[in-house]
Amino acid sequence: MDSKPLSQLLRLLELVKAQPFTTLDARSLSIMNCAQRISELRKQGHPIDTTYTIQTDEHGHAHRVALYVWNPQQKRQAELWQ
């Protein structure tokens, strides 16, 4: 799987449009700096909301992680950055 930032952006954009996902879910797709990639997508104008949830990792440890959700009703993110 390609780990270049552009490839990661495209994978995240596909994923968030299809379903909500967490930081741990993104890591399973070899996206280690998910928050940075989400920030870049928001700067491009993509309407992505963030909430927080508890998710257990593969070792049984609970973590507070970001949950990213596609929200087309949200004000365009690019406008918020100006």
Protein backbone atom coordinates (compact mmCIF):
# COMPACT_ATOMS: atom_id res chain seq x y z
CA MET A 1 0.00 0.00 0.00
CA ASP A 2 1.38 3.42 -0.99
CA SER A 3 2.31 5.60 2.00
CA LYS A 4 2.81 8.87 0.11
CA PRO A 5 0.67 11.77 1.43
CA LEU A 6 -1.39 12.14 -1.79
CA SER A 7 -2.21 8.45 -1.82
CA GLN A 8 -3.17 8.65 1.86
CA LEU A 9 -5.42 11.64 1.16
CA LEU A 10 -7.24 9.78 -1.58
CA ARG A 11 -7.72 6.67 0.59
CA LEU A 12 -9.01 8.77 3.50
CA LEU A 13 -11.38 10.72 1.28
CA GLU A 14 -12.86 7.50 -0.09
CA LEU A 15 -13.14 6.05 3.39
CA VAL A 16 -14.77 9.04 5.07
CA LYS A 17 -17.33 9.37 2.28
CA ALA A 18 -18.22 5.68 2.66
CA GLN A 19 -18.38 5.41 6.46
CA PRO A 20 -17.22 6.99 9.72
CA PHE A 21 -13.78 5.79 10.81
CA THR A 22 -11.32 6.25 13.66
CA THR A 23 -7.63 6.95 13.93
CA LEU A 24 -7.03 3.25 14.64
CA ASP A 25 -8.99 2.31 11.52
CA ALA A 26 -6.76 4.64 9.47
CA ARG A 27 -3.63 3.03 10.90
CA SER A 28 -4.84 -0.31 9.58
CA LEU A 29 -4.66 1.36 6.13
CA SER A 30 -1.03 2.43 6.78
CA ILE A 31 -2.03 6.04 7.47
CA MET A 32 -0.05 6.95 10.56
CA ASN A 33 -0.66 10.73 10.72
CA CYS A 34 -4.40 10.73 10.18
CA ALA A 35 -5.03 14.10 11.88
CA GLN A 36 -2.64 15.85 9.48
CA ARG A 37 -4.25 14.25 6.41
CA ILE A 38 -7.75 15.18 7.67
CA SER A 39 -6.57 18.76 8.22
CA GLU A 40 -5.33 18.87 4.62
CA LEU A 41 -8.67 17.55 3.33
CA ARG A 42 -10.52 20.20 5.35
CA LYS A 43 -8.32 22.93 3.91
CA GLN A 44 -9.40 21.68 0.47
CA GLY A 45 -13.01 22.23 1.55
CA HIS A 46 -14.16 18.72 2.43
CA PRO A 47 -16.86 18.70 5.17
CA ILE A 48 -15.43 16.32 7.76
CA ASP A 49 -16.56 16.40 11.40
CA THR A 50 -14.57 15.02 14.32
CA THR A 51 -15.93 13.55 17.52
CA TYR A 52 -14.23 11.28 20.02
CA THR A 53 -14.90 7.71 21.06
CA ILE A 54 -13.25 4.87 22.94
CA GLN A 55 -11.88 2.03 20.80
CA THR A 56 -9.98 -1.07 21.82
CA ASP A 57 -6.81 -1.90 19.88
CA GLU A 58 -5.60 -5.34 18.80
CA HIS A 59 -3.89 -5.80 22.18
CA GLY A 60 -7.07 -5.17 24.17
CA HIS A 61 -6.10 -1.65 25.30
CA ALA A 62 -8.81 1.03 25.25
CA HIS A 63 -7.91 4.38 23.65
CA ARG A 64 -9.75 7.67 23.24
CA VAL A 65 -9.57 8.20 19.46
CA ALA A 66 -10.91 10.64 16.90
CA LEU A 67 -13.94 9.54 14.91
CA TYR A 68 -14.16 11.21 11.49
CA VAL A 69 -17.55 11.64 9.82
CA TRP A 70 -18.50 13.01 6.38
CA ASN A 71 -21.05 15.81 6.91
CA PRO A 72 -22.25 17.47 3.68
CA GLN A 73 -24.58 19.78 5.69
CA GLN A 74 -21.57 21.40 7.36
CA LYS A 75 -20.30 24.82 6.25
CA ARG A 76 -17.51 24.33 3.75
CA GLN A 77 -14.28 23.84 5.67
CA ALA A 78 -12.23 25.92 3.24
CA GLU A 79 -14.26 28.99 4.25
CA LEU A 80 -13.29 28.46 7.87
CA TRP A 81 -9.58 28.62 7.04
CA GLN A 82 -9.74 32.04 5.37
